[in-house]
Amino acid sequence: MKISMIGEACKHKEELIKQCAAELEIRELPAEAAYSAEYDPQIAGSDVVITLKYRRPAGEGPDFRVLQVPGAGLDGIETNSLPAGSLLCNVYEHQIPIAEYVMTAMLECELRFSEMRRRFDPRRWASLYYSRVPHGELYTKTLALIGFGGIAREIAKRARAFGMRITAVDKYAKDPDGLADLLTDNGGMDRVLKEADYLVLACPLTAETEGMINAERLAVMKDSAVLINVSRGPLIVEADLYEALRENRLGGAVLDVWWRYPRNRNDEISPAELPFESLDNVICTPHSSAWTRELMWRRYGVIAKNIENLSAGRPLRNIIDYKG
């Protein structure tokens, strides 16, 4: 099987080789190959192209059988660039680390571990001991999940173990495992926002969801509530969130996803137009909630299985109907 790995995917060649029973002929190509026709001769004839990004003028790119995205998001793929008859697949496996990240974020907001560690000084032991400030608990707090797919359900499982009340908004409003205390479609959004102590965005970015968290919806929320975004930055109107946080009309935010991303290591672009990192009530992380060693092993295990299935003429996993 001829495999072209582009950019970031090349770092995970060993995970692929160790888990794939099919015979592989791997080409490692730089990140520029996702956009530049200069690399078309190397890509042409590939059985599988593994890349997070791909763009070509429609009908002018190289021919290949499958474009395999080594992640869930398809933001970087221009589907009209894909050759006729080719398949597009993605891969998940990130539900577990993202759920652990969200639980850690909520626990940090309640316990303030970072602050206690920073303030601890044995030379001031008596003063610290007698000036302790009670911290909070997750028990009985209301966790609101926007989107109730795989990520949200993994979060809900863990939150229930902490005794939290779970509410969720989902377009399709299905809860086969009975994890939510309240599940509503988009019509119940305001009620869910109003009751939330923690609001987690776990829905896909679409034309319908872009900018869904705006000034009007933030105004519905408690001024003590914390917003956690592990989905996509543009779900939120950036300026509206910044002002709500700056004016303490919202308790806090944990932001792992952003409005702007670098195209390469030398790109000096900032993640947002506004300085969220300067606000004391915001925790900022660099889109790392799912970025674990275990995640990449699982993802490339799924990709390896897809390559084996392609070689054997069996159906592939996670085929995207991009022609819609």
C-alpha atoms as a PDB file:
ATOM      1  CA  MET A   1       0.000   0.000   0.000  1.00  0.00           C
ATOM      2  CA  LYS A   2       1.376   3.390  -1.020  1.00  0.00           C
ATOM      3  CA  ILE A   3       0.979   5.875   1.825  1.00  0.00           C
ATOM      4  CA  SER A   4       1.762   9.607   1.683  1.00  0.00           C
ATOM      5  CA  MET A   5       2.150  11.249   5.103  1.00  0.00           C
ATOM      6  CA  ILE A   6       2.125  15.050   5.074  1.00  0.00           C
ATOM      7  CA  GLY A   7       3.443  17.484   7.669  1.00  0.00           C
ATOM      8  CA  GLU A   8       2.539  16.711  11.284  1.00  0.00           C
ATOM      9  CA  ALA A   9       1.449  13.191  10.327  1.00  0.00           C
ATOM     10  CA  CYS A  10       5.059  12.233   9.555  1.00  0.00           C
ATOM     11  CA  LYS A  11       5.882  12.340  13.275  1.00  0.00           C
ATOM     12  CA  HIS A  12       3.656   9.313  13.773  1.00  0.00           C
ATOM     13  CA  LYS A  13       5.077   6.975  11.149  1.00  0.00           C
ATOM     14  CA  GLU A  14       6.252   4.502  13.783  1.00  0.00           C
ATOM     15  CA  GLU A  15       2.815   4.287  15.427  1.00  0.00           C
ATOM     16  CA  LEU A  16       1.399   3.414  12.008  1.00  0.00           C
ATOM     17  CA  ILE A  17       4.047   0.853  11.064  1.00  0.00           C
ATOM     18  CA  LYS A  18       3.862  -0.968  14.406  1.00  0.00           C
ATOM     19  CA  GLN A  19       0.079  -1.384  14.210  1.00  0.00           C
ATOM     20  CA  CYS A  20      -0.467  -2.096  10.506  1.00  0.00           C
ATOM     21  CA  ALA A  21      -0.312  -5.637   9.144  1.00  0.00           C
ATOM     22  CA  ALA A  22      -0.411  -4.472   5.515  1.00  0.00           C
ATOM     23  CA  GLU A  23       2.819  -3.960   3.589  1.00  0.00           C
ATOM     24  CA  LEU A  24       3.498  -0.223   3.479  1.00  0.00           C
ATOM     25  CA  GLU A  25       5.463   2.010   1.143  1.00  0.00           C
ATOM     26  CA  ILE A  26       5.555   5.342   2.985  1.00  0.00           C
ATOM     27  CA  ARG A  27       6.420   8.734   1.520  1.00  0.00           C
ATOM     28  CA  GLU A  28       7.084  11.501   4.065  1.00  0.00           C
ATOM     29  CA  LEU A  29       6.276  14.954   2.712  1.00  0.00           C
ATOM     30  CA  PRO A  30       6.593  18.438   4.289  1.00  0.00           C
ATOM     31  CA  ALA A  31       3.626  20.515   5.432  1.00  0.00           C
ATOM     32  CA  GLU A  32       3.780  22.533   2.195  1.00  0.00           C
ATOM     33  CA  ALA A  33       2.661  19.442   0.290  1.00  0.00           C
ATOM     34  CA  ALA A  34      -0.849  20.039   1.630  1.00  0.00           C
ATOM     35  CA  TYR A  35      -1.098  23.178  -0.518  1.00  0.00           C
ATOM     36  CA  SER A  36       1.615  23.080  -3.183  1.00  0.00           C
ATOM     37  CA  ALA A  37       1.311  21.360  -6.564  1.00  0.00           C
ATOM     38  CA  GLU A  38       5.100  20.928  -6.471  1.00  0.00           C
ATOM     39  CA  TYR A  39       4.534  17.708  -4.531  1.00  0.00           C
ATOM     40  CA  ASP A  40       1.764  16.297  -6.718  1.00  0.00           C
ATOM     41  CA  PRO A  41       4.058  13.797  -8.473  1.00  0.00           C
ATOM     42  CA  GLN A  42       4.947  12.207  -5.105  1.00  0.00           C
ATOM     43  CA  ILE A  43       1.309  12.116  -3.958  1.00  0.00           C
ATOM     44  CA  ALA A  44      -0.082  10.805  -7.252  1.00  0.00           C
ATOM     45  CA  GLY A  45      -1.013   7.148  -7.141  1.00  0.00           C
ATOM     46  CA  SER A  46      -1.167   6.956  -3.345  1.00  0.00           C
ATOM     47  CA  ASP A  47      -3.599   4.525  -1.836  1.00  0.00           C
ATOM     48  CA  VAL A  48      -3.908   6.704   1.274  1.00  0.00           C
ATOM     49  CA  VAL A  49      -2.881  10.311   1.947  1.00  0.00           C
ATOM     50  CA  ILE A  50      -2.649  11.082   5.676  1.00  0.00           C
ATOM     51  CA  THR A  51      -2.873  14.813   6.403  1.00  0.00           C
ATOM     52  CA  LEU A  52      -4.684  17.338   8.575  1.00  0.00           C
ATOM     53  CA  LYS A  53      -4.854  19.831   5.704  1.00  0.00           C
ATOM     54  CA  TYR A  54      -5.358  19.580   1.958  1.00  0.00           C
ATOM     55  CA  ARG A  55      -6.123  22.152  -0.711  1.00  0.00           C
ATOM     56  CA  ARG A  56      -5.852  22.159  -4.489  1.00  0.00           C
ATOM     57  CA  PRO A  57      -7.761  23.935  -7.269  1.00  0.00           C
ATOM     58  CA  ALA A  58     -10.807  21.795  -8.040  1.00  0.00           C
ATOM     59  CA  GLY A  59      -9.997  19.058 -10.528  1.00  0.00           C
ATOM     60  CA  GLU A  60      -6.283  19.902 -10.659  1.00  0.00           C
ATOM     61  CA  GLY A  61      -4.845  17.792  -7.835  1.00  0.00           C
ATOM     62  CA  PRO A  62      -3.148  14.401  -7.916  1.00  0.00           C
ATOM     63  CA  ASP A  63      -5.117  11.172  -7.973  1.00  0.00           C
ATOM     64  CA  PHE A  64      -5.368   8.983  -4.849  1.00  0.00           C
ATOM     65  CA  ARG A  65      -7.882   6.608  -3.285  1.00  0.00           C
ATOM     66  CA  VAL A  66      -8.383   7.809   0.296  1.00  0.00           C
ATOM     67  CA  LEU A  67      -7.644  10.993   2.209  1.00  0.00           C
ATOM     68  CA  GLN A  68      -7.340  10.023   5.872  1.00  0.00           C
ATOM     69  CA  VAL A  69      -7.459  12.895   8.359  1.00  0.00           C
ATOM     70  CA  PRO A  70      -5.579  11.862  11.547  1.00  0.00           C
ATOM     71  CA  GLY A  71      -8.038  13.812  13.685  1.00  0.00           C
ATOM     72  CA  ALA A  72     -11.728  14.590  13.999  1.00  0.00           C
ATOM     73  CA  GLY A  73     -11.910  18.090  12.528  1.00  0.00           C
ATOM     74  CA  LEU A  74     -12.200  18.620   8.791  1.00  0.00           C
ATOM     75  CA  ASP A  75     -11.581  22.381   8.899  1.00  0.00           C
ATOM     76  CA  GLY A  76      -8.327  22.061   6.968  1.00  0.00           C
ATOM     77  CA  ILE A  77      -9.712  19.956   4.122  1.00  0.00           C
ATOM     78  CA  GLU A  78     -11.187  21.556   1.015  1.00  0.00           C
ATOM     79  CA  THR A  79     -13.411  18.735  -0.112  1.00  0.00           C
ATOM     80  CA  ASN A  80     -13.816  20.076  -3.650  1.00  0.00           C
ATOM     81  CA  SER A  81     -10.063  19.473  -4.031  1.00  0.00           C
ATOM     82  CA  LEU A  82     -10.412  15.711  -3.659  1.00  0.00           C
ATOM     83  CA  PRO A  83     -10.135  13.525  -6.757  1.00  0.00           C
ATOM     84  CA  ALA A  84     -13.321  12.047  -8.187  1.00  0.00           C
ATOM     85  CA  GLY A  85     -14.260   8.774  -6.552  1.00  0.00           C
ATOM     86  CA  SER A  86     -11.929   9.194  -3.583  1.00  0.00           C
ATOM     87  CA  LEU A  87     -12.990   8.613   0.015  1.00  0.00           C
ATOM     88  CA  LEU A  88     -12.542  10.966   2.973  1.00  0.00           C
ATOM     89  CA  CYS A  89     -12.154   9.504   6.475  1.00  0.00           C
ATOM     90  CA  ASN A  90     -11.452  10.986   9.888  1.00  0.00           C
ATOM     91  CA  VAL A  91     -10.667   9.466  13.289  1.00  0.00           C
ATOM     92  CA  TYR A  92     -11.785  10.207  16.836  1.00  0.00           C
ATOM     93  CA  GLU A  93     -10.433   8.518  20.003  1.00  0.00           C
ATOM     94  CA  HIS A  94     -10.038  11.931  21.695  1.00  0.00           C
ATOM     95  CA  GLN A  95     -13.084  11.718  23.932  1.00  0.00           C
ATOM     96  CA  ILE A  96     -11.186  10.340  26.941  1.00  0.00           C
ATOM     97  CA  PRO A  97      -8.402  12.954  27.236  1.00  0.00           C
ATOM     98  CA  ILE A  98     -10.775  15.842  26.533  1.00  0.00           C
ATOM     99  CA  ALA A  99     -13.137  14.591  29.236  1.00  0.00           C
ATOM    100  CA  GLU A 100     -10.220  14.386  31.684  1.00  0.00           C
ATOM    101  CA  TYR A 101      -9.150  17.911  30.704  1.00  0.00           C
ATOM    102  CA  VAL A 102     -12.634  19.292  31.369  1.00  0.00           C
ATOM    103  CA  MET A 103     -12.824  17.596  34.769  1.00  0.00           C
ATOM    104  CA  THR A 104      -9.380  18.967  35.640  1.00  0.00           C
ATOM    105  CA  ALA A 105     -10.448  22.453  34.564  1.00  0.00           C
ATOM    106  CA  MET A 106     -13.576  22.359  36.723  1.00  0.00           C
ATOM    107  CA  LEU A 107     -11.662  21.010  39.713  1.00  0.00           C
ATOM    108  CA  GLU A 108      -9.071  23.755  39.317  1.00  0.00           C
ATOM    109  CA  CYS A 109     -11.829  26.376  39.300  1.00  0.00           C
ATOM    110  CA  GLU A 110     -13.253  24.990  42.542  1.00  0.00           C
ATOM    111  CA  LEU A 111     -10.082  24.005  44.432  1.00  0.00           C
ATOM    112  CA  ARG A 112      -7.667  26.677  43.150  1.00  0.00           C
ATOM    113  CA  PHE A 113      -4.694  24.307  43.383  1.00  0.00           C
ATOM    114  CA  SER A 114      -2.455  26.579  41.301  1.00  0.00           C
ATOM    115  CA  GLU A 115      -3.179  29.555  43.531  1.00  0.00           C
ATOM    116  CA  MET A 116      -2.613  27.591  46.746  1.00  0.00           C
ATOM    117  CA  ARG A 117       0.668  26.231  45.429  1.00  0.00           C
ATOM    118  CA  ARG A 118       1.812  29.694  44.388  1.00  0.00           C
ATOM    119  CA  ARG A 119       0.957  31.218  47.776  1.00  0.00           C
ATOM    120  CA  PHE A 120       2.392  28.445  49.928  1.00  0.00           C
ATOM    121  CA  ASP A 121       5.435  29.607  51.909  1.00  0.00           C
ATOM    122  CA  PRO A 122       6.647  27.706  55.007  1.00  0.00           C
ATOM    123  CA  ARG A 123       8.084  30.955  56.374  1.00  0.00           C
ATOM    124  CA  ARG A 124       4.500  32.268  56.612  1.00  0.00           C
ATOM    125  CA  TRP A 125       2.919  29.025  57.811  1.00  0.00           C
ATOM    126  CA  ALA A 126       0.881  30.456  60.691  1.00  0.00           C
ATOM    127  CA  SER A 127      -0.429  33.314  58.572  1.00  0.00           C
ATOM    128  CA  LEU A 128      -1.377  30.978  55.738  1.00  0.00           C
ATOM    129  CA  TYR A 129      -3.040  28.479  58.046  1.00  0.00           C
ATOM    130  CA  TYR A 130      -5.222  31.021  59.834  1.00  0.00           C
ATOM    131  CA  SER A 131      -6.137  32.908  56.663  1.00  0.00           C
ATOM    132  CA  ARG A 132      -7.347  29.894  54.678  1.00  0.00           C
ATOM    133  CA  VAL A 133     -10.219  30.675  52.332  1.00  0.00           C
ATOM    134  CA  PRO A 134     -12.822  27.927  51.819  1.00  0.00           C
ATOM    135  CA  HIS A 135     -12.824  26.536  48.307  1.00  0.00           C
ATOM    136  CA  GLY A 136     -15.697  25.047  46.373  1.00  0.00           C
ATOM    137  CA  GLU A 137     -16.953  21.603  45.362  1.00  0.00           C
ATOM    138  CA  LEU A 138     -18.247  20.111  42.137  1.00  0.00           C
ATOM    139  CA  TYR A 139     -20.858  18.157  44.089  1.00  0.00           C
ATOM    140  CA  THR A 140     -24.413  19.329  43.165  1.00  0.00           C
ATOM    141  CA  LYS A 141     -23.079  21.912  40.682  1.00  0.00           C
ATOM    142  CA  THR A 142     -24.837  22.023  37.299  1.00  0.00           C
ATOM    143  CA  LEU A 143     -22.787  21.125  34.252  1.00  0.00           C
ATOM    144  CA  ALA A 144     -24.308  22.225  30.939  1.00  0.00           C
ATOM    145  CA  LEU A 145     -23.069  20.584  27.762  1.00  0.00           C
ATOM    146  CA  ILE A 146     -23.710  22.133  24.359  1.00  0.00           C
ATOM    147  CA  GLY A 147     -23.627  19.154  22.042  1.00  0.00           C
ATOM    148  CA  PHE A 148     -24.136  15.647  23.383  1.00  0.00           C
ATOM    149  CA  GLY A 149     -21.942  13.498  21.182  1.00  0.00           C
ATOM    150  CA  GLY A 150     -19.051  11.254  22.166  1.00  0.00           C
ATOM    151  CA  ILE A 151     -16.976  13.923  23.923  1.00  0.00           C
ATOM    152  CA  ALA A 152     -19.884  15.315  25.920  1.00  0.00           C
ATOM    153  CA  ARG A 153     -21.026  11.868  27.010  1.00  0.00           C
ATOM    154  CA  GLU A 154     -17.547  10.985  28.290  1.00  0.00           C
ATOM    155  CA  ILE A 155     -17.537  14.254  30.250  1.00  0.00           C
ATOM    156  CA  ALA A 156     -21.002  13.470  31.609  1.00  0.00           C
ATOM    157  CA  LYS A 157     -19.919  10.014  32.840  1.00  0.00           C
ATOM    158  CA  ARG A 158     -17.119  11.519  34.902  1.00  0.00           C
ATOM    159  CA  ALA A 159     -19.161  14.476  36.127  1.00  0.00           C
ATOM    160  CA  ARG A 160     -21.911  12.164  37.392  1.00  0.00           C
ATOM    161  CA  ALA A 161     -19.298  10.356  39.495  1.00  0.00           C
ATOM    162  CA  PHE A 162     -18.655  13.713  41.200  1.00  0.00           C
ATOM    163  CA  GLY A 163     -22.338  14.173  41.951  1.00  0.00           C
ATOM    164  CA  MET A 164     -22.896  16.930  39.412  1.00  0.00           C
ATOM    165  CA  ARG A 165     -26.236  17.644  37.775  1.00  0.00           C
ATOM    166  CA  ILE A 166     -25.974  17.185  34.005  1.00  0.00           C
ATOM    167  CA  THR A 167     -27.937  19.225  31.467  1.00  0.00           C
ATOM    168  CA  ALA A 168     -27.383  19.188  27.731  1.00  0.00           C
ATOM    169  CA  VAL A 169     -28.491  20.819  24.504  1.00  0.00           C
ATOM    170  CA  ASP A 170     -28.326  18.762  21.345  1.00  0.00           C
ATOM    171  CA  LYS A 171     -29.956  19.229  17.975  1.00  0.00           C
ATOM    172  CA  TYR A 172     -31.040  15.596  17.952  1.00  0.00           C
ATOM    173  CA  ALA A 173     -31.723  15.307  21.725  1.00  0.00           C
ATOM    174  CA  LYS A 174     -30.828  11.639  22.222  1.00  0.00           C
ATOM    175  CA  ASP A 175     -29.470  10.128  25.440  1.00  0.00           C
ATOM    176  CA  PRO A 176     -29.452   6.321  25.109  1.00  0.00           C
ATOM    177  CA  ASP A 177     -27.361   5.866  28.265  1.00  0.00           C
ATOM    178  CA  GLY A 178     -29.489   8.108  30.488  1.00  0.00           C
ATOM    179  CA  LEU A 179     -26.545  10.325  31.446  1.00  0.00           C
ATOM    180  CA  ALA A 180     -28.351  13.675  31.439  1.00  0.00           C
ATOM    181  CA  ASP A 181     -30.755  14.952  34.078  1.00  0.00           C
ATOM    182  CA  LEU A 182     -32.130  17.297  31.424  1.00  0.00           C
ATOM    183  CA  LEU A 183     -31.680  16.965  27.667  1.00  0.00           C
ATOM    184  CA  THR A 184     -33.270  19.445  25.291  1.00  0.00           C
ATOM    185  CA  ASP A 185     -33.024  20.509  21.690  1.00  0.00           C
ATOM    186  CA  ASN A 186     -31.927  24.018  20.705  1.00  0.00           C
ATOM    187  CA  GLY A 187     -35.238  25.449  21.867  1.00  0.00           C
ATOM    188  CA  GLY A 188     -34.215  24.897  25.492  1.00  0.00           C
ATOM    189  CA  MET A 189     -30.861  26.650  25.194  1.00  0.00           C
ATOM    190  CA  ASP A 190     -31.699  29.662  27.380  1.00  0.00           C
ATOM    191  CA  ARG A 191     -32.947  27.518  30.251  1.00  0.00           C
ATOM    192  CA  VAL A 192     -29.778  25.420  30.184  1.00  0.00           C
ATOM    193  CA  LEU A 193     -27.546  28.498  30.068  1.00  0.00           C
ATOM    194  CA  LYS A 194     -29.413  30.154  32.929  1.00  0.00           C
ATOM    195  CA  GLU A 195     -28.956  27.150  35.243  1.00  0.00           C
ATOM    196  CA  ALA A 196     -25.319  26.368  34.364  1.00  0.00           C
ATOM    197  CA  ASP A 197     -22.474  26.599  36.843  1.00  0.00           C
ATOM    198  CA  TYR A 198     -20.183  25.237  34.142  1.00  0.00           C
ATOM    199  CA  LEU A 199     -20.885  25.520  30.427  1.00  0.00           C
ATOM    200  CA  VAL A 200     -18.881  23.229  28.145  1.00  0.00           C
ATOM    201  CA  LEU A 201     -18.956  23.702  24.379  1.00  0.00           C
ATOM    202  CA  ALA A 202     -18.645  20.301  22.708  1.00  0.00           C
ATOM    203  CA  CYS A 203     -20.599  20.744  19.486  1.00  0.00           C
ATOM    204  CA  PRO A 204     -19.214  20.965  15.949  1.00  0.00           C
ATOM    205  CA  LEU A 205     -18.593  24.281  14.225  1.00  0.00           C
ATOM    206  CA  THR A 206     -21.161  24.740  11.472  1.00  0.00           C
ATOM    207  CA  ALA A 207     -22.898  27.654   9.799  1.00  0.00           C
ATOM    208  CA  GLU A 208     -25.651  27.176  12.385  1.00  0.00           C
ATOM    209  CA  THR A 209     -23.395  27.108  15.465  1.00  0.00           C
ATOM    210  CA  GLU A 210     -20.855  29.782  14.512  1.00  0.00           C
ATOM    211  CA  GLY A 211     -21.199  32.718  16.918  1.00  0.00           C
ATOM    212  CA  MET A 212     -23.894  30.939  18.946  1.00  0.00           C
ATOM    213  CA  ILE A 213     -22.395  32.146  22.236  1.00  0.00           C
ATOM    214  CA  ASN A 214     -22.838  35.897  21.952  1.00  0.00           C
ATOM    215  CA  ALA A 215     -23.565  38.840  24.248  1.00  0.00           C
ATOM    216  CA  GLU A 216     -27.249  37.984  24.435  1.00  0.00           C
ATOM    217  CA  ARG A 217     -26.638  34.413  25.537  1.00  0.00           C
ATOM    218  CA  LEU A 218     -23.818  35.309  27.905  1.00  0.00           C
ATOM    219  CA  ALA A 219     -26.196  37.759  29.597  1.00  0.00           C
ATOM    220  CA  VAL A 220     -28.515  34.861  30.461  1.00  0.00           C
ATOM    221  CA  MET A 221     -25.802  33.082  32.455  1.00  0.00           C
ATOM    222  CA  LYS A 222     -24.930  33.440  36.145  1.00  0.00           C
ATOM    223  CA  ASP A 223     -22.159  35.912  36.855  1.00  0.00           C
ATOM    224  CA  SER A 224     -20.369  33.072  38.680  1.00  0.00           C
ATOM    225  CA  ALA A 225     -20.566  30.617  35.764  1.00  0.00           C
ATOM    226  CA  VAL A 226     -17.475  29.314  33.983  1.00  0.00           C
ATOM    227  CA  LEU A 227     -17.355  28.674  30.235  1.00  0.00           C
ATOM    228  CA  ILE A 228     -15.073  25.893  28.939  1.00  0.00           C
ATOM    229  CA  ASN A 229     -14.441  25.620  25.202  1.00  0.00           C
ATOM    230  CA  VAL A 230     -12.914  22.394  23.860  1.00  0.00           C
ATOM    231  CA  SER A 231     -14.612  22.520  20.456  1.00  0.00           C
ATOM    232  CA  ARG A 232     -13.835  25.457  18.150  1.00  0.00           C
ATOM    233  CA  GLY A 233     -13.140  29.114  18.921  1.00  0.00           C
ATOM    234  CA  PRO A 234     -15.623  30.645  16.462  1.00  0.00           C
ATOM    235  CA  LEU A 235     -18.553  29.109  18.330  1.00  0.00           C
ATOM    236  CA  ILE A 236     -18.112  32.207  20.502  1.00  0.00           C
ATOM    237  CA  VAL A 237     -18.201  35.860  19.494  1.00  0.00           C
ATOM    238  CA  GLU A 238     -14.732  36.798  20.704  1.00  0.00           C
ATOM    239  CA  ALA A 239     -15.376  40.410  21.711  1.00  0.00           C
ATOM    240  CA  ASP A 240     -18.588  39.515  23.554  1.00  0.00           C
ATOM    241  CA  LEU A 241     -16.828  36.897  25.676  1.00  0.00           C
ATOM    242  CA  TYR A 242     -13.870  39.145  26.397  1.00  0.00           C
ATOM    243  CA  GLU A 243     -16.049  41.999  27.627  1.00  0.00           C
ATOM    244  CA  ALA A 244     -18.167  39.691  29.801  1.00  0.00           C
ATOM    245  CA  LEU A 245     -15.011  38.330  31.443  1.00  0.00           C
ATOM    246  CA  ARG A 246     -13.303  41.706  31.772  1.00  0.00           C
ATOM    247  CA  GLU A 247     -16.361  43.215  33.429  1.00  0.00           C
ATOM    248  CA  ASN A 248     -16.855  40.139  35.660  1.00  0.00           C
ATOM    249  CA  ARG A 249     -20.286  39.454  34.218  1.00  0.00           C
ATOM    250  CA  LEU A 250     -19.053  35.884  33.851  1.00  0.00           C
ATOM    251  CA  GLY A 251     -17.129  34.004  36.508  1.00  0.00           C
ATOM    252  CA  GLY A 252     -14.394  32.707  34.251  1.00  0.00           C
ATOM    253  CA  ALA A 253     -13.394  30.790  31.168  1.00  0.00           C
ATOM    254  CA  VAL A 254     -11.091  27.947  30.217  1.00  0.00           C
ATOM    255  CA  LEU A 255     -10.111  28.255  26.566  1.00  0.00           C
ATOM    256  CA  ASP A 256      -8.309  25.450  24.773  1.00  0.00           C
ATOM    257  CA  VAL A 257      -9.455  26.343  21.256  1.00  0.00           C
ATOM    258  CA  TRP A 258      -9.002  29.633  19.461  1.00  0.00           C
ATOM    259  CA  TRP A 259     -10.069  31.903  16.658  1.00  0.00           C
ATOM    260  CA  ARG A 260      -6.756  31.978  14.802  1.00  0.00           C
ATOM    261  CA  TYR A 261      -4.052  29.379  14.200  1.00  0.00           C
ATOM    262  CA  PRO A 262      -0.503  29.531  12.803  1.00  0.00           C
ATOM    263  CA  ARG A 263       0.212  28.016   9.397  1.00  0.00           C
ATOM    264  CA  ASN A 264       3.760  27.096  10.419  1.00  0.00           C
ATOM    265  CA  ARG A 265       6.228  27.375  13.310  1.00  0.00           C
ATOM    266  CA  ASN A 266       7.424  30.801  12.196  1.00  0.00           C
ATOM    267  CA  ASP A 267       3.965  32.346  11.983  1.00  0.00           C
ATOM    268  CA  GLU A 268       3.695  35.097  14.619  1.00  0.00           C
ATOM    269  CA  ILE A 269      -0.104  35.235  14.578  1.00  0.00           C
ATOM    270  CA  SER A 270      -1.810  35.470  17.985  1.00  0.00           C
ATOM    271  CA  PRO A 271      -4.610  33.040  18.913  1.00  0.00           C
ATOM    272  CA  ALA A 272      -7.133  35.854  19.359  1.00  0.00           C
ATOM    273  CA  GLU A 273      -7.436  39.547  18.606  1.00  0.00           C
ATOM    274  CA  LEU A 274      -8.022  40.318  22.288  1.00  0.00           C
ATOM    275  CA  PRO A 275      -5.641  39.520  25.197  1.00  0.00           C
ATOM    276  CA  PHE A 276      -7.550  36.823  27.084  1.00  0.00           C
ATOM    277  CA  GLU A 277      -4.287  35.742  28.742  1.00  0.00           C
ATOM    278  CA  SER A 278      -4.185  39.088  30.584  1.00  0.00           C
ATOM    279  CA  LEU A 279      -7.433  38.365  32.452  1.00  0.00           C
ATOM    280  CA  ASP A 280      -7.159  36.796  35.906  1.00  0.00           C
ATOM    281  CA  ASN A 281     -10.343  34.776  35.444  1.00  0.00           C
ATOM    282  CA  VAL A 282      -9.210  32.975  32.282  1.00  0.00           C
ATOM    283  CA  ILE A 283      -7.124  29.819  31.866  1.00  0.00           C
ATOM    284  CA  CYS A 284      -5.561  29.579  28.410  1.00  0.00           C
ATOM    285  CA  THR A 285      -4.097  26.401  26.899  1.00  0.00           C
ATOM    286  CA  PRO A 286      -2.732  25.803  23.357  1.00  0.00           C
ATOM    287  CA  HIS A 287      -5.335  23.382  21.926  1.00  0.00           C
ATOM    288  CA  SER A 288      -3.817  20.585  23.997  1.00  0.00           C
ATOM    289  CA  SER A 289      -6.830  19.061  25.765  1.00  0.00           C
ATOM    290  CA  ALA A 290      -6.646  15.874  23.695  1.00  0.00           C
ATOM    291  CA  TRP A 291      -2.918  15.876  23.019  1.00  0.00           C
ATOM    292  CA  THR A 292      -1.780  12.774  24.895  1.00  0.00           C
ATOM    293  CA  ARG A 293       0.697  10.045  23.972  1.00  0.00           C
ATOM    294  CA  GLU A 294      -2.081   7.497  24.262  1.00  0.00           C
ATOM    295  CA  LEU A 295      -4.331   9.430  21.881  1.00  0.00           C
ATOM    296  CA  MET A 296      -1.935   9.249  18.943  1.00  0.00           C
ATOM    297  CA  TRP A 297      -1.362   5.527  19.458  1.00  0.00           C
ATOM    298  CA  ARG A 298      -5.112   4.893  19.393  1.00  0.00           C
ATOM    299  CA  ARG A 299      -5.685   7.133  16.381  1.00  0.00           C
ATOM    300  CA  TYR A 300      -2.973   5.525  14.295  1.00  0.00           C
ATOM    301  CA  GLY A 301      -4.291   2.136  15.329  1.00  0.00           C
ATOM    302  CA  VAL A 302      -7.603   3.056  13.702  1.00  0.00           C
ATOM    303  CA  ILE A 303      -5.794   4.409  10.631  1.00  0.00           C
ATOM    304  CA  ALA A 304      -3.750   1.198  10.409  1.00  0.00           C
ATOM    305  CA  LYS A 305      -6.964  -0.812  10.455  1.00  0.00           C
ATOM    306  CA  ASN A 306      -8.429   1.366   7.695  1.00  0.00           C
ATOM    307  CA  ILE A 307      -5.360   0.716   5.540  1.00  0.00           C
ATOM    308  CA  GLU A 308      -5.681  -3.024   6.169  1.00  0.00           C
ATOM    309  CA  ASN A 309      -9.366  -2.870   5.250  1.00  0.00           C
ATOM    310  CA  LEU A 310      -8.621  -0.929   2.067  1.00  0.00           C
ATOM    311  CA  SER A 311      -5.988  -3.479   1.096  1.00  0.00           C
ATOM    312  CA  ALA A 312      -8.418  -6.355   1.689  1.00  0.00           C
ATOM    313  CA  GLY A 313     -11.405  -4.686   0.028  1.00  0.00           C
ATOM    314  CA  ARG A 314     -13.319  -4.344   3.297  1.00  0.00           C
ATOM    315  CA  PRO A 315     -15.386  -1.279   4.357  1.00  0.00           C
ATOM    316  CA  LEU A 316     -13.503   1.597   5.982  1.00  0.00           C
ATOM    317  CA  ARG A 317     -14.309   3.254   9.307  1.00  0.00           C
ATOM    318  CA  ASN A 318     -15.483   6.857   9.644  1.00  0.00           C
ATOM    319  CA  ILE A 319     -16.195   7.600   5.987  1.00  0.00           C
ATOM    320  CA  ILE A 320     -17.391  11.201   5.614  1.00  0.00           C
ATOM    321  CA  ASP A 321     -20.217  11.904   3.174  1.00  0.00           C
ATOM    322  CA  TYR A 322     -18.629  15.137   1.979  1.00  0.00           C
ATOM    323  CA  LYS A 323     -20.650  15.247  -1.218  1.00  0.00           C
ATOM    324  CA  GLY A 324     -23.697  15.574   1.020  1.00  0.00           C
END
